[in-house]
Protein backbone atom coordinates (compact mmCIF):
# COMPACT_ATOMS: atom_id res chain seq x y z
CA MET A 1 -0.22 0.34 -0.11
CA ARG A 2 2.96 2.40 0.94
CA LYS A 3 4.66 2.07 -2.41
CA ARG A 4 1.38 2.44 -4.12
CA LEU A 5 0.92 5.69 -2.08
CA LEU A 6 4.58 6.81 -2.76
CA GLY A 7 4.27 6.05 -6.51
CA VAL A 8 1.01 7.91 -6.81
CA LEU A 9 2.57 11.02 -5.33
CA VAL A 10 5.62 10.66 -7.86
CA VAL A 11 3.90 10.43 -10.90
CA THR A 12 1.81 13.46 -10.36
CA LEU A 13 4.35 15.74 -8.68
CA VAL A 14 6.87 14.71 -12.31
CA TRP A 15 3.92 15.25 -14.38
CA GLY A 16 3.24 19.08 -12.86
CA ALA A 17 7.04 19.49 -12.70
CA THR A 18 7.06 19.07 -16.31
CA SER A 19 3.85 20.12 -18.13
CA TRP A 20 4.09 24.20 -18.02
CA SER A 21 7.51 25.07 -18.96
CA GLN A 22 11.18 23.39 -20.47
CA SER A 23 13.21 25.40 -18.10
CA PRO A 24 12.00 24.70 -14.79
CA THR A 25 12.93 26.88 -12.22
CA PHE A 26 14.61 25.06 -8.59
CA SER A 27 14.20 26.69 -5.25
CA GLY A 28 14.02 25.46 -1.47
CA SER A 29 14.90 25.54 2.13
CA LEU A 30 16.14 24.02 4.98
CA GLY A 31 14.94 24.89 8.47
CA ILE A 32 16.35 23.39 11.96
CA GLU A 33 14.40 23.64 14.94
CA VAL A 34 14.57 22.64 18.91
CA ALA A 35 12.41 22.55 21.40
CA PHE A 36 13.12 22.88 25.27
CA THR A 37 10.22 21.94 27.28
CA PRO A 38 10.86 21.60 30.89
CA SER A 39 9.43 18.71 33.12
CA SER A 40 9.06 18.51 36.98
CA SER A 41 12.79 15.93 36.86
CA SER A 42 14.69 17.08 33.54
CA LEU A 43 14.58 19.18 30.58
CA ASP A 44 12.78 17.51 27.57
CA LEU A 45 14.52 17.89 23.93
CA ALA A 46 12.82 17.50 20.77
CA SER A 47 13.95 18.80 17.30
CA ALA A 48 12.16 18.82 13.77
CA VAL A 49 14.13 18.90 10.46
CA THR A 50 12.30 20.26 7.55
CA LEU A 51 13.45 20.55 3.61
CA ALA A 52 11.29 21.96 1.01
CA LEU A 53 12.10 21.80 -2.46
CA ALA A 54 10.00 23.83 -5.39
CA CYS A 55 9.85 23.32 -8.92
CA ASP A 56 7.79 25.84 -10.59
CA ARG A 57 4.54 24.83 -9.02
CA ALA A 58 5.54 21.51 -7.62
CA GLU A 59 6.39 21.27 -4.37
CA VAL A 60 7.91 18.94 -1.55
CA ILE A 61 8.00 19.14 1.56
CA SER A 62 9.23 16.70 4.47
CA ARG A 63 9.11 17.32 8.24
CA THR A 64 11.27 15.18 10.88
CA GLU A 65 10.47 15.07 14.04
CA LEU A 66 13.14 13.71 16.58
CA SER A 67 13.25 13.10 20.31
CA LEU A 68 16.00 12.00 22.94
CA THR A 69 14.68 8.20 22.23
CA GLY A 70 14.85 8.43 18.34
CA LEU A 71 12.54 9.23 15.61
CA GLU A 72 9.17 10.26 16.71
CA ALA A 73 7.49 11.09 12.85
CA GLU A 74 8.03 11.98 9.60
CA HIS A 75 5.67 13.61 7.44
CA LEU A 76 6.24 14.05 3.77
CA MET A 77 3.81 16.08 1.67
CA MET A 78 4.09 16.76 -2.02
CA GLY A 79 1.55 19.30 -4.13
CA VAL A 80 1.10 20.94 -7.97
CA ASP A 81 -1.31 24.01 -8.71
CA LEU A 82 -2.72 23.30 -12.04
CA ASP A 83 -3.94 26.87 -13.11
CA GLY A 84 -6.48 27.63 -10.45
CA ILE A 85 -6.96 23.99 -8.60
CA GLY A 86 -4.41 23.07 -6.10
CA LEU A 87 -4.04 19.26 -5.47
CA ARG A 88 -2.14 18.30 -2.11
CA SER A 89 -1.14 14.58 -0.78
CA GLY A 90 0.71 14.02 1.95
CA MET A 91 1.83 10.29 4.71
CA ARG A 92 2.66 10.14 8.04
CA PHE A 93 5.16 7.66 9.45
CA ASP A 94 5.41 7.15 13.43
CA PRO A 95 7.83 5.62 12.41
CA CYS A 96 5.88 3.12 10.94
CA PHE A 97 2.86 3.93 8.44
CA SER A 98 0.48 5.82 10.56
CA LYS A 99 -1.63 8.28 7.97
CA TYR A 100 -2.57 9.39 4.10
CA TRP A 101 -4.20 12.39 2.94
CA PHE A 102 -5.45 13.67 -0.27
CA GLU A 103 -6.48 17.42 -0.63
CA VAL A 104 -8.15 18.76 -3.95
CA ARG A 105 -9.16 22.86 -3.76
CA GLY A 106 -9.71 25.33 -6.33
CA GLY A 107 -12.37 27.30 -7.97
CA CYS A 108 -13.59 30.25 -10.07
CA CYS A 109 -13.25 33.80 -7.95
CA PRO A 110 -14.82 34.40 -5.71
CA TRP A 111 -16.23 30.65 -5.04
CA GLU A 112 -13.72 28.25 -3.72
CA LEU A 113 -14.27 24.41 -3.49
CA GLY A 114 -12.24 21.90 -2.01
CA GLY A 115 -12.17 18.67 -0.60
CA LEU A 116 -9.84 16.21 2.09
CA PHE A 117 -10.03 12.60 2.31
CA LEU A 118 -7.90 10.98 5.15
CA VAL A 119 -7.00 7.28 6.26
CA GLU A 120 -5.21 7.27 9.63
CA ASN A 121 -4.45 4.52 12.01
CA LEU A 122 -5.80 4.60 15.51
CA ALA A 123 -3.63 1.84 16.85
CA GLU A 124 -0.56 2.46 18.93
CA ALA A 125 2.52 3.24 16.59
CA CYS A 126 3.59 0.11 14.82
CA ALA A 127 0.96 -2.06 16.66
CA THR A 128 -1.68 -4.40 14.69
CA PRO A 129 -3.32 -1.55 12.36
CA ALA A 130 -6.89 -0.03 13.05
CA TYR A 131 -7.70 2.00 9.89
CA THR A 132 -10.44 4.72 9.85
CA VAL A 133 -11.03 7.11 7.11
CA GLY A 134 -12.15 10.61 7.45
CA LEU A 135 -13.69 13.06 4.81
CA VAL A 136 -13.75 17.13 4.68
CA LEU A 137 -15.56 19.15 2.57
CA ASP A 138 -14.63 22.69 2.22
CA LEU A 139 -16.65 25.32 0.83
CA GLY A 140 -15.63 28.98 0.71
CA VAL A 141 -16.34 32.77 -1.31
CA ALA A 142 -13.94 35.55 -0.60
CA TRP A 143 -13.11 38.90 -2.33
CA HIS A 144 -10.09 40.61 -1.54
CA PRO A 145 -9.89 42.77 0.12
CA GLY A 146 -13.70 42.22 1.17
CA PHE A 147 -15.74 39.82 2.71
CA PHE A 148 -15.09 36.02 3.21
CA ALA A 149 -16.72 32.96 4.24
CA ARG A 150 -15.96 29.77 4.45
CA SER A 151 -17.32 26.36 5.42
CA LEU A 152 -15.36 23.13 6.70
CA THR A 153 -17.61 19.99 7.05
CA GLY A 154 -15.98 17.11 8.64
CA PHE A 155 -17.11 13.48 8.68
CA GLY A 156 -14.75 10.91 10.94
CA VAL A 157 -12.25 13.83 12.05
CA THR A 158 -12.15 16.82 14.55
CA GLY A 159 -9.88 19.29 14.92
CA LEU A 160 -10.64 21.44 11.66
CA ASP A 161 -9.58 24.37 13.13
CA HIS A 162 -5.72 23.53 12.16
CA LEU A 163 -6.66 23.87 8.33
CA LEU A 164 -7.29 27.45 9.26
CA ASP A 165 -3.72 27.91 11.16
CA ASP A 166 -0.03 27.66 9.67
CA ASP A 167 1.30 25.57 12.39
CA PRO A 168 3.09 22.89 11.13
CA THR A 169 3.14 21.07 14.45
CA THR A 170 -0.92 21.06 14.17
CA ASP A 171 -3.08 18.63 12.72
CA LEU A 172 -6.43 16.80 11.85
CA THR A 173 -7.27 14.28 14.59
CA ALA A 174 -9.31 10.94 12.92
CA VAL A 175 -11.62 9.32 14.88
CA SER A 176 -13.38 5.51 14.57
CA GLY A 177 -16.19 5.51 11.68
CA VAL A 178 -17.55 7.76 9.38
CA TRP A 179 -20.23 9.99 10.89
CA PHE A 180 -20.71 14.02 10.99
CA GLU A 181 -18.26 15.28 14.03
CA GLU A 182 -17.84 19.03 13.55
CA GLU A 183 -18.88 21.96 10.91
CA LEU A 184 -16.60 24.57 11.28
CA LEU A 185 -18.01 28.19 9.82
CA HIS A 186 -15.02 31.27 9.33
CA LEU A 187 -16.37 34.61 8.32
CA GLY A 188 -14.95 37.74 7.83
CA PHE A 189 -13.19 40.98 6.24
CA THR A 190 -10.32 42.07 5.37
CA SER A 191 -9.15 45.43 4.02
CA ALA A 192 -5.26 46.98 3.82
CA CYS A 193 -4.96 47.77 7.33
CA PHE A 194 -8.18 46.27 9.37
CA ARG A 195 -9.09 42.40 9.74
CA ALA A 196 -11.91 41.12 11.50
CA ASP A 197 -13.51 37.63 11.93
CA SER A 198 -15.17 34.98 13.71
CA ARG A 199 -14.83 31.35 13.94
CA VAL A 200 -17.98 28.86 15.08
CA LEU A 201 -17.58 25.44 15.72
CA LEU A 202 -20.46 23.47 15.60
CA ASN A 203 -20.62 19.20 16.88
CA PRO A 204 -23.31 16.67 17.23
CA TYR A 205 -23.97 18.29 20.42
CA GLY A 206 -24.04 22.08 19.11
CA LEU A 207 -22.36 24.91 19.78
CA ALA A 208 -18.16 23.64 20.79
CA TRP A 209 -17.03 26.76 20.69
CA SER A 210 -17.27 30.27 18.91
CA GLU A 211 -14.28 32.72 18.26
CA LEU A 212 -14.33 36.68 17.52
CA GLY A 213 -11.12 38.75 16.74
CA ALA A 214 -9.80 42.04 14.86
CA SER A 215 -6.61 43.32 14.37
CA TYR A 216 -5.26 46.95 12.93
CA ILE A 217 -2.42 46.79 10.75
CA TYR A 218 0.05 49.59 10.19
CA PRO A 219 2.06 49.51 7.14
CA ASP A 220 5.35 51.26 7.74
CA PRO A 221 6.96 50.16 9.73
CA GLU A 222 5.01 47.21 9.95
CA ALA A 223 2.52 47.18 12.93
CA GLU A 224 -0.36 44.96 13.88
CA LEU A 225 -2.39 45.72 17.29
CA GLY A 226 -5.34 43.23 18.03
CA ALA A 227 -7.33 41.07 20.10
CA ARG A 228 -9.42 37.67 20.32
CA ILE A 229 -11.36 35.89 22.61
CA ARG A 230 -12.52 32.42 22.55
CA LEU A 231 -15.88 31.63 24.20
CA ASN A 232 -17.18 28.03 25.21
CA GLY A 233 -20.50 26.36 24.09
CA SER A 234 -22.24 28.22 26.97
CA PHE A 235 -21.17 31.38 26.46
CA GLY A 236 -18.59 31.46 29.28
CA LEU A 237 -14.77 33.17 28.57
CA SER A 238 -12.65 30.50 27.63
CA TRP A 239 -9.76 32.61 27.29
CA ALA A 240 -8.81 36.03 25.63
CA LYS A 241 -5.97 37.20 23.88
CA LEU A 242 -3.92 40.45 23.01
CA PHE A 243 -1.14 40.52 20.35
CA LEU A 244 0.68 42.93 19.07
CA GLY A 245 3.60 42.66 16.31
CA VAL A 246 6.31 45.04 14.76
CA ARG A 247 8.66 44.41 12.09
CA VAL A 248 11.48 46.84 11.53
CA PRO A 249 13.68 44.90 9.12
CA PRO A 250 15.79 42.69 9.45
CA VAL A 251 13.80 42.15 12.90
CA GLY A 252 10.02 41.08 13.29
CA ILE A 253 8.51 40.75 16.98
CA ARG A 254 5.24 39.29 18.24
CA LEU A 255 3.89 39.20 22.02
CA VAL A 256 0.51 37.11 22.68
CA THR A 257 -0.86 37.50 26.23
CA ALA A 258 -3.43 35.11 26.95
CA PHE A 259 -6.05 35.62 30.10
CA ASN A 260 -9.33 34.07 31.23
CA LEU A 261 -11.42 34.87 34.01
CA GLY A 262 -8.98 33.96 36.99
CA GLY A 263 -6.48 36.46 34.68
CA PHE A 264 -3.16 35.62 33.62
CA VAL A 265 -2.52 32.88 32.03
CA SER A 266 0.47 32.91 29.57
CA GLN A 267 3.07 35.48 27.74
CA GLU A 268 4.47 34.00 24.00
CA VAL A 269 7.39 35.96 22.81
CA TRP A 270 8.30 35.27 18.71
CA VAL A 271 11.36 36.90 17.40
CA GLU A 272 12.39 36.73 14.19
CA VAL A 273 15.48 37.80 11.82
CA VAL A 274 16.05 37.58 8.42
CA PHE A 275 18.47 38.69 6.46
CA SER A 276 20.07 38.07 3.12
CA TRP A 277 19.07 33.93 2.85
CA VAL A 278 18.86 33.15 6.52
CA ARG A 279 15.89 33.16 8.68
CA ILE A 280 16.65 32.87 12.83
CA HIS A 281 13.55 32.55 14.65
CA SER A 282 12.45 31.62 18.35
CA ARG A 283 9.03 31.30 20.03
CA THR A 284 9.07 31.18 24.46
CA GLN A 285 5.85 30.46 26.33
CA PHE A 286 5.81 31.34 30.23
CA ASP A 287 3.39 31.74 32.63
CA PHE A 288 3.97 32.69 36.24
CA GLY A 289 5.15 29.04 37.03
CA GLY A 290 7.75 29.63 34.89
CA LEU A 291 8.94 28.57 31.24
CA ILE A 292 6.56 26.63 29.38
CA GLN A 293 8.26 25.78 26.41
CA SER A 294 10.93 27.37 24.21
CA THR A 295 11.66 27.05 20.59
CA VAL A 296 14.51 28.13 18.49
CA GLY A 297 14.99 27.40 14.90
CA ILE A 298 17.16 28.31 11.62
CA GLU A 299 16.12 28.22 8.19
CA LEU A 300 18.17 28.32 5.03
CA ASP A 301 16.88 29.54 1.77
CA PHE A 302 18.35 28.05 -1.96
């Protein structure tokens, strides 16, 4: 099965890379991250190595996650853009094969339509497989700038909110069966200097949570000031976040402060330095008890 899936991915990539241009352009990046997480008696270390290669409108991304005990997971993604239609496919090994997904997304402005098919092993790593399948239907409409709306419907999967973020450490979670699990509605408005949006997550029991957010963007020097709150199913406050980001090349800083009804929860500090073909970044999270986690990384473009 793994050989067959890998063969499909390679054929898709090669066909996409050679069907537009006789002289393709190549680019890529190599990134290394190290995360430090304090525990009760020691300091846990984890690292990730990300290699990305692009040829015209085709790309391959490999992310290898390691710990002190060895390989934790390997993520492989391949994709192509075919004149408005995007194809993405990927696999995960942890360290044995545990997940395969395929995504199609495209449309005609302002409409966008997509779908994601998922096969995942619910058993423990390298144990007797217990495969299940999942499906996500994706429908959206957007004007740039202007209003946008997106609907994500999950069958056999949870964590649809992870499809809206850019964090490579988050992912969909498969559950047993192919039944309706979640409906995520994302509505908002964007302009050159302002953004406001809302997210509502529904499950078979009703409203799970809702979010409201708004931010103001100042162009020169680049700065962003905003806030975001999440309410639970009974409209009680789960958390509120204030964020401030400032970028004066080559340095960028972002601060995220989280609160709840009891007061201060945590503080995140993001720092990024970009010069020439090198990007150095860090993310530090702490609370009143001290350091929660610190991640530092470097990325080289070529």
